[in-house]
């Protein structure tokens, strides 16, 4: 007699929360700035080189967070669009101990909204 799973009805994540998460996870990123305006935009210095990335976020199958790069540049190098297709980042949280499932994701009013 336990809980089979939890369905998230709504959760919001701010630009500040994303910035704190990325700065903790990737301490080599300095002067980090996050913008949520239709997609996730990251600007920073990565070991002295200017980094700029734009990513489209989505939820697949209720348990897979996908970040697909729309633009990526590091210093003078910018990846061409055909190479961006090779780099889709995924976070699978299907094995989380709470059985959390998320129906969708949208970015509105400088927030990521999970529903």
PDB file of N, CA and C in Angstrom:
ATOM      1  N   UNK A   1       0.859  -1.177   0.000  1.00  0.00           N
ATOM      2  CA  UNK A   1       0.000   0.000   0.000  1.00  0.00           C
ATOM      3  C   UNK A   1       0.893   1.224   0.000  1.00  0.00           C
ATOM      4  N   UNK A   2       1.454   1.536  -1.140  1.00  0.00           N
ATOM      5  CA  UNK A   2       2.309   2.718  -1.253  1.00  0.00           C
ATOM      6  C   UNK A   2       1.839   3.597  -2.384  1.00  0.00           C
ATOM      7  N   UNK A   3       2.565   4.644  -2.598  1.00  0.00           N
ATOM      8  CA  UNK A   3       2.256   5.580  -3.666  1.00  0.00           C
ATOM      9  C   UNK A   3       2.841   5.051  -4.976  1.00  0.00           C
ATOM     10  N   UNK A   4       2.012   4.966  -6.003  1.00  0.00           N
ATOM     11  CA  UNK A   4       2.475   4.467  -7.298  1.00  0.00           C
ATOM     12  C   UNK A   4       3.183   5.541  -8.106  1.00  0.00           C
ATOM     13  N   UNK A   5       2.817   6.782  -7.882  1.00  0.00           N
ATOM     14  CA  UNK A   5       3.443   7.869  -8.625  1.00  0.00           C
ATOM     15  C   UNK A   5       2.809   9.193  -8.293  1.00  0.00           C
ATOM     16  N   UNK A   6       3.482  10.252  -8.676  1.00  0.00           N
ATOM     17  CA  UNK A   6       2.998  11.603  -8.442  1.00  0.00           C
ATOM     18  C   UNK A   6       2.910  12.299  -9.788  1.00  0.00           C
ATOM     19  N   UNK A   7       1.789  12.963 -10.060  1.00  0.00           N
ATOM     20  CA  UNK A   7       1.651  13.761 -11.268  1.00  0.00           C
ATOM     21  C   UNK A   7       1.796  15.221 -10.869  1.00  0.00           C
ATOM     22  N   UNK A   8       2.730  15.924 -11.484  1.00  0.00           N
ATOM     23  CA  UNK A   8       2.944  17.333 -11.193  1.00  0.00           C
ATOM     24  C   UNK A   8       1.841  18.113 -11.889  1.00  0.00           C
ATOM     25  N   UNK A   9       1.038  18.841 -11.104  1.00  0.00           N
ATOM     26  CA  UNK A   9      -0.017  19.648 -11.723  1.00  0.00           C
ATOM     27  C   UNK A   9       0.540  20.992 -12.163  1.00  0.00           C
ATOM     28  N   UNK A  10       1.527  21.518 -11.438  1.00  0.00           N
ATOM     29  CA  UNK A  10       2.151  22.774 -11.848  1.00  0.00           C
ATOM     30  C   UNK A  10       3.378  23.043 -10.995  1.00  0.00           C
ATOM     31  N   UNK A  11       4.420  23.498 -11.634  1.00  0.00           N
ATOM     32  CA  UNK A  11       5.640  23.922 -10.934  1.00  0.00           C
ATOM     33  C   UNK A  11       6.297  24.992 -11.793  1.00  0.00           C
ATOM     34  N   UNK A  12       6.899  25.969 -11.147  1.00  0.00           N
ATOM     35  CA  UNK A  12       7.577  27.039 -11.879  1.00  0.00           C
ATOM     36  C   UNK A  12       9.026  27.140 -11.428  1.00  0.00           C
ATOM     37  N   UNK A  13       9.893  27.381 -12.413  1.00  0.00           N
ATOM     38  CA  UNK A  13      11.323  27.509 -12.155  1.00  0.00           C
ATOM     39  C   UNK A  13      11.770  28.851 -12.731  1.00  0.00           C
ATOM     40  N   UNK A  14      12.378  29.671 -11.897  1.00  0.00           N
ATOM     41  CA  UNK A  14      12.764  31.022 -12.312  1.00  0.00           C
ATOM     42  C   UNK A  14      14.121  31.030 -13.009  1.00  0.00           C
ATOM     43  N   UNK A  15      14.414  32.147 -13.678  1.00  0.00           N
ATOM     44  CA  UNK A  15      15.729  32.339 -14.283  1.00  0.00           C
ATOM     45  C   UNK A  15      16.815  32.224 -13.212  1.00  0.00           C
ATOM     46  N   UNK A  16      16.543  32.801 -12.045  1.00  0.00           N
ATOM     47  CA  UNK A  16      17.518  32.766 -10.954  1.00  0.00           C
ATOM     48  C   UNK A  16      17.807  31.323 -10.523  1.00  0.00           C
ATOM     49  N   UNK A  17      16.760  30.493 -10.419  1.00  0.00           N
ATOM     50  CA  UNK A  17      16.951  29.092 -10.016  1.00  0.00           C
ATOM     51  C   UNK A  17      17.790  28.334 -11.047  1.00  0.00           C
ATOM     52  N   UNK A  18      17.561  28.586 -12.334  1.00  0.00           N
ATOM     53  CA  UNK A  18      18.355  27.941 -13.380  1.00  0.00           C
ATOM     54  C   UNK A  18      19.802  28.405 -13.282  1.00  0.00           C
ATOM     55  N   UNK A  19      19.999  29.700 -13.059  1.00  0.00           N
ATOM     56  CA  UNK A  19      21.353  30.248 -12.918  1.00  0.00           C
ATOM     57  C   UNK A  19      22.087  29.620 -11.737  1.00  0.00           C
ATOM     58  N   UNK A  20      21.420  29.496 -10.602  1.00  0.00           N
ATOM     59  CA  UNK A  20      22.047  28.897  -9.414  1.00  0.00           C
ATOM     60  C   UNK A  20      22.384  27.427  -9.669  1.00  0.00           C
ATOM     61  N   UNK A  21      21.472  26.713 -10.332  1.00  0.00           N
ATOM     62  CA  UNK A  21      21.714  25.298 -10.629  1.00  0.00           C
ATOM     63  C   UNK A  21      22.938  25.146 -11.541  1.00  0.00           C
ATOM     64  N   UNK A  22      22.975  25.912 -12.634  1.00  0.00           N
ATOM     65  CA  UNK A  22      24.087  25.784 -13.577  1.00  0.00           C
ATOM     66  C   UNK A  22      25.409  26.223 -12.964  1.00  0.00           C
ATOM     67  N   UNK A  23      25.399  27.266 -12.142  1.00  0.00           N
ATOM     68  CA  UNK A  23      26.654  27.722 -11.523  1.00  0.00           C
ATOM     69  C   UNK A  23      27.159  26.708 -10.501  1.00  0.00           C
ATOM     70  N   UNK A  24      26.266  25.994  -9.845  1.00  0.00           N
ATOM     71  CA  UNK A  24      26.683  24.945  -8.916  1.00  0.00           C
ATOM     72  C   UNK A  24      27.186  23.707  -9.635  1.00  0.00           C
ATOM     73  N   UNK A  25      26.525  23.382 -10.722  1.00  0.00           N
ATOM     74  CA  UNK A  25      26.887  22.182 -11.482  1.00  0.00           C
ATOM     75  C   UNK A  25      28.149  22.381 -12.335  1.00  0.00           C
ATOM     76  N   UNK A  26      28.329  23.602 -12.843  1.00  0.00           N
ATOM     77  CA  UNK A  26      29.464  23.926 -13.715  1.00  0.00           C
ATOM     78  C   UNK A  26      30.206  25.142 -13.166  1.00  0.00           C
ATOM     79  N   UNK A  27      31.014  24.960 -12.121  1.00  0.00           N
ATOM     80  CA  UNK A  27      31.669  26.093 -11.463  1.00  0.00           C
ATOM     81  C   UNK A  27      32.644  26.860 -12.351  1.00  0.00           C
ATOM     82  N   UNK A  28      33.058  26.295 -13.491  1.00  0.00           N
ATOM     83  CA  UNK A  28      33.966  27.000 -14.394  1.00  0.00           C
ATOM     84  C   UNK A  28      33.238  28.094 -15.189  1.00  0.00           C
ATOM     85  N   UNK A  29      31.899  28.145 -15.110  1.00  0.00           N
ATOM     86  CA  UNK A  29      31.145  29.213 -15.771  1.00  0.00           C
ATOM     87  C   UNK A  29      31.097  30.428 -14.853  1.00  0.00           C
ATOM     88  N   UNK A  30      31.618  31.547 -15.330  1.00  0.00           N
ATOM     89  CA  UNK A  30      31.568  32.791 -14.560  1.00  0.00           C
ATOM     90  C   UNK A  30      30.775  33.825 -15.354  1.00  0.00           C
ATOM     91  N   UNK A  31      30.386  34.887 -14.677  1.00  0.00           N
ATOM     92  CA  UNK A  31      29.598  35.957 -15.303  1.00  0.00           C
ATOM     93  C   UNK A  31      28.377  35.362 -16.008  1.00  0.00           C
ATOM     94  N   UNK A  32      27.737  34.394 -15.340  1.00  0.00           N
ATOM     95  CA  UNK A  32      26.625  33.630 -15.906  1.00  0.00           C
ATOM     96  C   UNK A  32      25.342  34.458 -15.929  1.00  0.00           C
ATOM     97  N   UNK A  33      24.687  34.459 -17.079  1.00  0.00           N
ATOM     98  CA  UNK A  33      23.403  35.138 -17.238  1.00  0.00           C
ATOM     99  C   UNK A  33      22.443  34.174 -17.927  1.00  0.00           C
ATOM    100  N   UNK A  34      21.217  34.129 -17.414  1.00  0.00           N
ATOM    101  CA  UNK A  34      20.176  33.254 -17.953  1.00  0.00           C
ATOM    102  C   UNK A  34      19.011  34.106 -18.414  1.00  0.00           C
ATOM    103  N   UNK A  35      18.440  33.747 -19.552  1.00  0.00           N
ATOM    104  CA  UNK A  35      17.235  34.413 -20.033  1.00  0.00           C
ATOM    105  C   UNK A  35      16.240  33.346 -20.469  1.00  0.00           C
ATOM    106  N   UNK A  36      15.004  33.506 -20.021  1.00  0.00           N
ATOM    107  CA  UNK A  36      13.925  32.606 -20.423  1.00  0.00           C
ATOM    108  C   UNK A  36      12.910  33.439 -21.193  1.00  0.00           C
ATOM    109  N   UNK A  37      12.960  33.342 -22.495  1.00  0.00           N
ATOM    110  CA  UNK A  37      12.048  34.103 -23.347  1.00  0.00           C
ATOM    111  C   UNK A  37      11.710  33.239 -24.560  1.00  0.00           C
ATOM    112  N   UNK A  38      10.838  32.272 -24.360  1.00  0.00           N
ATOM    113  CA  UNK A  38      10.498  31.336 -25.428  1.00  0.00           C
ATOM    114  C   UNK A  38      11.420  30.134 -25.483  1.00  0.00           C
ATOM    115  N   UNK A  39      12.658  30.312 -25.045  1.00  0.00           N
ATOM    116  CA  UNK A  39      13.638  29.235 -24.947  1.00  0.00           C
ATOM    117  C   UNK A  39      14.640  29.626 -23.860  1.00  0.00           C
ATOM    118  N   UNK A  40      15.575  28.760 -23.565  1.00  0.00           N
ATOM    119  CA  UNK A  40      16.606  29.019 -22.554  1.00  0.00           C
ATOM    120  C   UNK A  40      17.825  29.600 -23.245  1.00  0.00           C
ATOM    121  N   UNK A  41      18.262  30.767 -22.793  1.00  0.00           N
ATOM    122  CA  UNK A  41      19.460  31.400 -23.325  1.00  0.00           C
ATOM    123  C   UNK A  41      20.484  31.520 -22.201  1.00  0.00           C
ATOM    124  N   UNK A  42      21.694  31.048 -22.465  1.00  0.00           N
ATOM    125  CA  UNK A  42      22.780  31.061 -21.487  1.00  0.00           C
ATOM    126  C   UNK A  42      23.938  31.861 -22.065  1.00  0.00           C
ATOM    127  N   UNK A  43      24.423  32.836 -21.309  1.00  0.00           N
ATOM    128  CA  UNK A  43      25.660  33.531 -21.669  1.00  0.00           C
ATOM    129  C   UNK A  43      26.565  33.481 -20.450  1.00  0.00           C
ATOM    130  N   UNK A  44      27.861  33.302 -20.690  1.00  0.00           N
ATOM    131  CA  UNK A  44      28.812  33.182 -19.582  1.00  0.00           C
ATOM    132  C   UNK A  44      30.224  33.273 -20.136  1.00  0.00           C
ATOM    133  N   UNK A  45      31.165  33.293 -19.214  1.00  0.00           N
ATOM    134  CA  UNK A  45      32.560  33.089 -19.552  1.00  0.00           C
ATOM    135  C   UNK A  45      32.901  31.669 -19.118  1.00  0.00           C
ATOM    136  N   UNK A  46      33.426  30.875 -20.030  1.00  0.00           N
ATOM    137  CA  UNK A  46      33.823  29.503 -19.732  1.00  0.00           C
ATOM    138  C   UNK A  46      35.340  29.430 -19.827  1.00  0.00           C
ATOM    139  N   UNK A  47      35.973  29.457 -18.674  1.00  0.00           N
ATOM    140  CA  UNK A  47      37.441  29.461 -18.619  1.00  0.00           C
ATOM    141  C   UNK A  47      38.030  30.581 -19.493  1.00  0.00           C
ATOM    142  N   UNK A  48      37.423  31.759 -19.386  1.00  0.00           N
ATOM    143  CA  UNK A  48      37.922  32.932 -20.090  1.00  0.00           C
ATOM    144  C   UNK A  48      37.388  33.141 -21.491  1.00  0.00           C
ATOM    145  N   UNK A  49      36.622  32.194 -22.006  1.00  0.00           N
ATOM    146  CA  UNK A  49      36.054  32.323 -23.354  1.00  0.00           C
ATOM    147  C   UNK A  49      34.565  32.606 -23.262  1.00  0.00           C
ATOM    148  N   UNK A  50      34.097  33.502 -24.103  1.00  0.00           N
ATOM    149  CA  UNK A  50      32.674  33.851 -24.127  1.00  0.00           C
ATOM    150  C   UNK A  50      31.859  32.670 -24.631  1.00  0.00           C
ATOM    151  N   UNK A  51      30.837  32.292 -23.866  1.00  0.00           N
ATOM    152  CA  UNK A  51      29.928  31.199 -24.228  1.00  0.00           C
ATOM    153  C   UNK A  51      28.544  31.782 -24.441  1.00  0.00           C
ATOM    154  N   UNK A  52      27.890  31.373 -25.509  1.00  0.00           N
ATOM    155  CA  UNK A  52      26.507  31.763 -25.765  1.00  0.00           C
ATOM    156  C   UNK A  52      25.780  30.547 -26.309  1.00  0.00           C
ATOM    157  N   UNK A  53      24.684  30.183 -25.641  1.00  0.00           N
ATOM    158  CA  UNK A  53      23.902  29.027 -26.078  1.00  0.00           C
ATOM    159  C   UNK A  53      22.422  29.342 -25.955  1.00  0.00           C
ATOM    160  N   UNK A  54      21.669  28.876 -26.922  1.00  0.00           N
ATOM    161  CA  UNK A  54      20.215  28.963 -26.872  1.00  0.00           C
ATOM    162  C   UNK A  54      19.672  27.557 -27.044  1.00  0.00           C
ATOM    163  N   UNK A  55      18.765  27.167 -26.138  1.00  0.00           N
ATOM    164  CA  UNK A  55      18.250  25.798 -26.132  1.00  0.00           C
ATOM    165  C   UNK A  55      16.732  25.790 -26.075  1.00  0.00           C
ATOM    166  N   UNK A  56      16.151  24.890 -26.839  1.00  0.00           N
ATOM    167  CA  UNK A  56      14.717  24.652 -26.778  1.00  0.00           C
ATOM    168  C   UNK A  56      14.479  23.516 -25.793  1.00  0.00           C
ATOM    169  N   UNK A  57      13.599  23.732 -24.825  1.00  0.00           N
ATOM    170  CA  UNK A  57      13.316  22.733 -23.791  1.00  0.00           C
ATOM    171  C   UNK A  57      11.980  22.064 -24.059  1.00  0.00           C
ATOM    172  N   UNK A  58      11.906  20.767 -23.775  1.00  0.00           N
ATOM    173  CA  UNK A  58      10.639  20.041 -23.912  1.00  0.00           C
ATOM    174  C   UNK A  58      10.638  18.827 -22.987  1.00  0.00           C
ATOM    175  N   UNK A  59       9.445  18.308 -22.752  1.00  0.00           N
ATOM    176  CA  UNK A  59       9.260  17.080 -21.966  1.00  0.00           C
ATOM    177  C   UNK A  59       8.755  16.003 -22.908  1.00  0.00           C
ATOM    178  N   UNK A  60       9.381  14.842 -22.883  1.00  0.00           N
ATOM    179  CA  UNK A  60       8.966  13.706 -23.703  1.00  0.00           C
ATOM    180  C   UNK A  60       8.505  12.565 -22.797  1.00  0.00           C
ATOM    181  N   UNK A  61       7.385  11.980 -23.119  1.00  0.00           N
ATOM    182  CA  UNK A  61       6.851  10.803 -22.410  1.00  0.00           C
ATOM    183  C   UNK A  61       6.674  11.025 -20.912  1.00  0.00           C
ATOM    184  N   UNK A  62       6.570  12.270 -20.466  1.00  0.00           N
ATOM    185  CA  UNK A  62       6.319  12.564 -19.055  1.00  0.00           C
ATOM    186  C   UNK A  62       7.503  12.375 -18.136  1.00  0.00           C
ATOM    187  N   UNK A  63       8.629  11.857 -18.647  1.00  0.00           N
ATOM    188  CA  UNK A  63       9.771  11.564 -17.768  1.00  0.00           C
ATOM    189  C   UNK A  63      11.129  11.951 -18.359  1.00  0.00           C
ATOM    190  N   UNK A  64      11.134  12.570 -19.523  1.00  0.00           N
ATOM    191  CA  UNK A  64      12.397  12.880 -20.194  1.00  0.00           C
ATOM    192  C   UNK A  64      12.450  14.373 -20.516  1.00  0.00           C
ATOM    193  N   UNK A  65      13.370  15.079 -19.881  1.00  0.00           N
ATOM    194  CA  UNK A  65      13.593  16.488 -20.182  1.00  0.00           C
ATOM    195  C   UNK A  65      14.603  16.569 -21.305  1.00  0.00           C
ATOM    196  N   UNK A  66      14.234  17.259 -22.388  1.00  0.00           N
ATOM    197  CA  UNK A  66      15.104  17.389 -23.550  1.00  0.00           C
ATOM    198  C   UNK A  66      15.489  18.845 -23.743  1.00  0.00           C
ATOM    199  N   UNK A  67      16.773  19.085 -23.992  1.00  0.00           N
ATOM    200  CA  UNK A  67      17.285  20.416 -24.317  1.00  0.00           C
ATOM    201  C   UNK A  67      17.972  20.307 -25.671  1.00  0.00           C
ATOM    202  N   UNK A  68      17.357  20.926 -26.674  1.00  0.00           N
ATOM    203  CA  UNK A  68      17.886  20.869 -28.038  1.00  0.00           C
ATOM    204  C   UNK A  68      18.526  22.212 -28.370  1.00  0.00           C
ATOM    205  N   UNK A  69      19.818  22.231 -28.699  1.00  0.00           N
ATOM    206  CA  UNK A  69      20.490  23.506 -28.979  1.00  0.00           C
ATOM    207  C   UNK A  69      20.006  24.149 -30.282  1.00  0.00           C
ATOM    208  N   UNK A  70      19.725  25.429 -30.183  1.00  0.00           N
ATOM    209  CA  UNK A  70      19.363  26.227 -31.350  1.00  0.00           C
ATOM    210  C   UNK A  70      20.568  27.020 -31.839  1.00  0.00           C
ATOM    211  N   UNK A  71      21.461  27.347 -30.897  1.00  0.00           N
ATOM    212  CA  UNK A  71      22.666  28.112 -31.202  1.00  0.00           C
ATOM    213  C   UNK A  71      23.701  27.781 -30.134  1.00  0.00           C
ATOM    214  N   UNK A  72      24.963  27.648 -30.534  1.00  0.00           N
ATOM    215  CA  UNK A  72      26.036  27.429 -29.572  1.00  0.00           C
ATOM    216  C   UNK A  72      27.314  28.052 -30.102  1.00  0.00           C
ATOM    217  N   UNK A  73      27.905  28.921 -29.296  1.00  0.00           N
ATOM    218  CA  UNK A  73      29.205  29.482 -29.652  1.00  0.00           C
ATOM    219  C   UNK A  73      30.080  29.544 -28.405  1.00  0.00           C
ATOM    220  N   UNK A  74      31.350  29.294 -28.613  1.00  0.00           N
ATOM    221  CA  UNK A  74      32.344  29.356 -27.554  1.00  0.00           C
ATOM    222  C   UNK A  74      33.553  30.083 -28.122  1.00  0.00           C
ATOM    223  N   UNK A  75      33.832  31.268 -27.565  1.00  0.00           N
ATOM    224  CA  UNK A  75      34.904  32.091 -28.115  1.00  0.00           C
ATOM    225  C   UNK A  75      34.582  32.434 -29.555  1.00  0.00           C
ATOM    226  N   UNK A  76      35.529  32.279 -30.466  1.00  0.00           N
ATOM    227  CA  UNK A  76      35.283  32.639 -31.864  1.00  0.00           C
ATOM    228  C   UNK A  76      34.563  31.548 -32.663  1.00  0.00           C
ATOM    229  N   UNK A  77      34.328  30.386 -32.044  1.00  0.00           N
ATOM    230  CA  UNK A  77      33.773  29.249 -32.762  1.00  0.00           C
ATOM    231  C   UNK A  77      32.259  29.154 -32.560  1.00  0.00           C
ATOM    232  N   UNK A  78      31.502  29.076 -33.647  1.00  0.00           N
ATOM    233  CA  UNK A  78      30.050  28.873 -33.607  1.00  0.00           C
ATOM    234  C   UNK A  78      29.727  27.597 -34.370  1.00  0.00           C
ATOM    235  N   UNK A  79      28.984  26.707 -33.709  1.00  0.00           N
ATOM    236  CA  UNK A  79      28.593  25.461 -34.391  1.00  0.00           C
ATOM    237  C   UNK A  79      27.583  25.761 -35.495  1.00  0.00           C
ATOM    238  N   UNK A  80      27.771  25.190 -36.677  1.00  0.00           N
ATOM    239  CA  UNK A  80      26.782  25.373 -37.747  1.00  0.00           C
ATOM    240  C   UNK A  80      25.507  24.581 -37.422  1.00  0.00           C
ATOM    241  N   UNK A  81      24.369  25.012 -37.970  1.00  0.00           N
ATOM    242  CA  UNK A  81      23.089  24.364 -37.660  1.00  0.00           C
ATOM    243  C   UNK A  81      23.067  22.852 -37.870  1.00  0.00           C
ATOM    244  N   UNK A  82      23.719  22.354 -38.921  1.00  0.00           N
ATOM    245  CA  UNK A  82      23.689  20.902 -39.156  1.00  0.00           C
ATOM    246  C   UNK A  82      24.400  20.132 -38.042  1.00  0.00           C
ATOM    247  N   UNK A  83      25.371  20.739 -37.362  1.00  0.00           N
ATOM    248  CA  UNK A  83      26.051  20.065 -36.257  1.00  0.00           C
ATOM    249  C   UNK A  83      25.241  20.135 -34.966  1.00  0.00           C
ATOM    250  N   UNK A  84      24.441  21.187 -34.817  1.00  0.00           N
ATOM    251  CA  UNK A  84      23.617  21.315 -33.612  1.00  0.00           C
ATOM    252  C   UNK A  84      22.664  20.136 -33.469  1.00  0.00           C
ATOM    253  N   UNK A  85      22.241  19.569 -34.586  1.00  0.00           N
ATOM    254  CA  UNK A  85      21.319  18.433 -34.556  1.00  0.00           C
ATOM    255  C   UNK A  85      21.932  17.211 -33.875  1.00  0.00           C
ATOM    256  N   UNK A  86      23.241  17.157 -33.783  1.00  0.00           N
ATOM    257  CA  UNK A  86      23.927  16.018 -33.158  1.00  0.00           C
ATOM    258  C   UNK A  86      23.915  16.087 -31.633  1.00  0.00           C
ATOM    259  N   UNK A  87      23.592  17.254 -31.082  1.00  0.00           N
ATOM    260  CA  UNK A  87      23.710  17.470 -29.641  1.00  0.00           C
ATOM    261  C   UNK A  87      22.366  17.791 -29.011  1.00  0.00           C
ATOM    262  N   UNK A  88      21.606  16.770 -28.680  1.00  0.00           N
ATOM    263  CA  UNK A  88      20.394  16.950 -27.890  1.00  0.00           C
ATOM    264  C   UNK A  88      20.685  16.360 -26.519  1.00  0.00           C
ATOM    265  N   UNK A  89      20.485  17.176 -25.489  1.00  0.00           N
ATOM    266  CA  UNK A  89      20.779  16.749 -24.130  1.00  0.00           C
ATOM    267  C   UNK A  89      19.498  16.253 -23.486  1.00  0.00           C
ATOM    268  N   UNK A  90      19.588  15.119 -22.801  1.00  0.00           N
ATOM    269  CA  UNK A  90      18.411  14.506 -22.190  1.00  0.00           C
ATOM    270  C   UNK A  90      18.674  14.174 -20.730  1.00  0.00           C
ATOM    271  N   UNK A  91      17.661  14.427 -19.914  1.00  0.00           N
ATOM    272  CA  UNK A  91      17.690  14.037 -18.509  1.00  0.00           C
ATOM    273  C   UNK A  91      16.483  13.144 -18.268  1.00  0.00           C
ATOM    274  N   UNK A  92      16.745  11.878 -18.025  1.00  0.00           N
ATOM    275  CA  UNK A  92      15.685  10.894 -17.807  1.00  0.00           C
ATOM    276  C   UNK A  92      15.461  10.764 -16.301  1.00  0.00           C
ATOM    277  N   UNK A  93      14.274  11.126 -15.869  1.00  0.00           N
ATOM    278  CA  UNK A  93      13.975  10.989 -14.445  1.00  0.00           C
ATOM    279  C   UNK A  93      12.893   9.935 -14.201  1.00  0.00           C
ATOM    280  N   UNK A  94      12.838   8.924 -15.065  1.00  0.00           N
ATOM    281  CA  UNK A  94      11.858   7.849 -14.910  1.00  0.00           C
ATOM    282  C   UNK A  94      12.156   6.969 -13.702  1.00  0.00           C
ATOM    283  N   UNK A  95      13.424   6.910 -13.290  1.00  0.00           N
ATOM    284  CA  UNK A  95      13.781   6.075 -12.140  1.00  0.00           C
ATOM    285  C   UNK A  95      13.794   6.834 -10.828  1.00  0.00           C
ATOM    286  N   UNK A  96      13.146   8.012 -10.783  1.00  0.00           N
ATOM    287  CA  UNK A  96      13.128   8.748  -9.525  1.00  0.00           C
ATOM    288  C   UNK A  96      12.277   7.983  -8.516  1.00  0.00           C
ATOM    289  N   UNK A  97      12.598   8.069  -7.251  1.00  0.00           N
ATOM    290  CA  UNK A  97      11.910   7.240  -6.243  1.00  0.00           C
ATOM    291  C   UNK A  97      10.447   7.615  -6.029  1.00  0.00           C
ATOM    292  N   UNK A  98       9.984   8.734  -6.584  1.00  0.00           N
ATOM    293  CA  UNK A  98       8.615   9.188  -6.350  1.00  0.00           C
ATOM    294  C   UNK A  98       7.696   8.958  -7.538  1.00  0.00           C
ATOM    295  N   UNK A  99       8.220   8.460  -8.646  1.00  0.00           N
ATOM    296  CA  UNK A  99       7.394   8.215  -9.823  1.00  0.00           C
ATOM    297  C   UNK A  99       6.823   9.491 -10.423  1.00  0.00           C
ATOM    298  N   UNK A 100       7.543  10.591 -10.326  1.00  0.00           N
ATOM    299  CA  UNK A 100       7.053  11.879 -10.819  1.00  0.00           C
ATOM    300  C   UNK A 100       6.930  11.854 -12.333  1.00  0.00           C
ATOM    301  N   UNK A 101       5.794  12.352 -12.826  1.00  0.00           N
ATOM    302  CA  UNK A 101       5.542  12.479 -14.269  1.00  0.00           C
ATOM    303  C   UNK A 101       5.105  13.914 -14.551  1.00  0.00           C
ATOM    304  N   UNK A 102       5.522  14.426 -15.696  1.00  0.00           N
ATOM    305  CA  UNK A 102       5.196  15.800 -16.089  1.00  0.00           C
ATOM    306  C   UNK A 102       4.576  15.749 -17.480  1.00  0.00           C
ATOM    307  N   UNK A 103       3.430  16.398 -17.635  1.00  0.00           N
ATOM    308  CA  UNK A 103       2.727  16.377 -18.922  1.00  0.00           C
ATOM    309  C   UNK A 103       3.393  17.257 -19.964  1.00  0.00           C
ATOM    310  N   UNK A 104       3.868  18.431 -19.549  1.00  0.00           N
ATOM    311  CA  UNK A 104       4.442  19.342 -20.525  1.00  0.00           C
ATOM    312  C   UNK A 104       5.269  20.430 -19.889  1.00  0.00           C
ATOM    313  N   UNK A 105       5.803  21.286 -20.733  1.00  0.00           N
ATOM    314  CA  UNK A 105       6.680  22.368 -20.308  1.00  0.00           C
ATOM    315  C   UNK A 105       6.435  23.553 -21.222  1.00  0.00           C
ATOM    316  N   UNK A 106       6.381  24.735 -20.638  1.00  0.00           N
ATOM    317  CA  UNK A 106       6.321  25.959 -21.440  1.00  0.00           C
ATOM    318  C   UNK A 106       7.127  27.038 -20.730  1.00  0.00           C
ATOM    319  N   UNK A 107       7.622  27.981 -21.506  1.00  0.00           N
ATOM    320  CA  UNK A 107       8.379  29.094 -20.946  1.00  0.00           C
ATOM    321  C   UNK A 107       7.546  30.352 -21.147  1.00  0.00           C
ATOM    322  N   UNK A 108       7.132  30.931 -20.033  1.00  0.00           N
ATOM    323  CA  UNK A 108       6.335  32.153 -20.062  1.00  0.00           C
ATOM    324  C   UNK A 108       6.749  33.053 -18.908  1.00  0.00           C
ATOM    325  N   UNK A 109       6.693  34.335 -19.138  1.00  0.00           N
ATOM    326  CA  UNK A 109       6.967  35.345 -18.106  1.00  0.00           C
ATOM    327  C   UNK A 109       8.259  35.088 -17.347  1.00  0.00           C
ATOM    328  N   UNK A 110       9.324  34.767 -18.090  1.00  0.00           N
ATOM    329  CA  UNK A 110      10.651  34.556 -17.501  1.00  0.00           C
ATOM    330  C   UNK A 110      10.702  33.375 -16.538  1.00  0.00           C
ATOM    331  N   UNK A 111       9.799  32.411 -16.739  1.00  0.00           N
ATOM    332  CA  UNK A 111       9.729  31.218 -15.891  1.00  0.00           C
ATOM    333  C   UNK A 111       9.563  29.984 -16.777  1.00  0.00           C
ATOM    334  N   UNK A 112      10.116  28.853 -16.307  1.00  0.00           N
ATOM    335  CA  UNK A 112       9.814  27.556 -16.909  1.00  0.00           C
ATOM    336  C   UNK A 112       8.648  27.010 -16.115  1.00  0.00           C
ATOM    337  N   UNK A 113       7.576  26.690 -16.797  1.00  0.00           N
ATOM    338  CA  UNK A 113       6.404  26.133 -16.116  1.00  0.00           C
ATOM    339  C   UNK A 113       6.251  24.673 -16.517  1.00  0.00           C
ATOM    340  N   UNK A 114       6.244  23.810 -15.528  1.00  0.00           N
ATOM    341  CA  UNK A 114       6.004  22.383 -15.730  1.00  0.00           C
ATOM    342  C   UNK A 114       4.562  22.105 -15.362  1.00  0.00           C
ATOM    343  N   UNK A 115       3.890  21.313 -16.152  1.00  0.00           N
ATOM    344  CA  UNK A 115       2.486  21.001 -15.849  1.00  0.00           C
ATOM    345  C   UNK A 115       2.173  19.570 -16.248  1.00  0.00           C
TER     346      UNK A 115
END
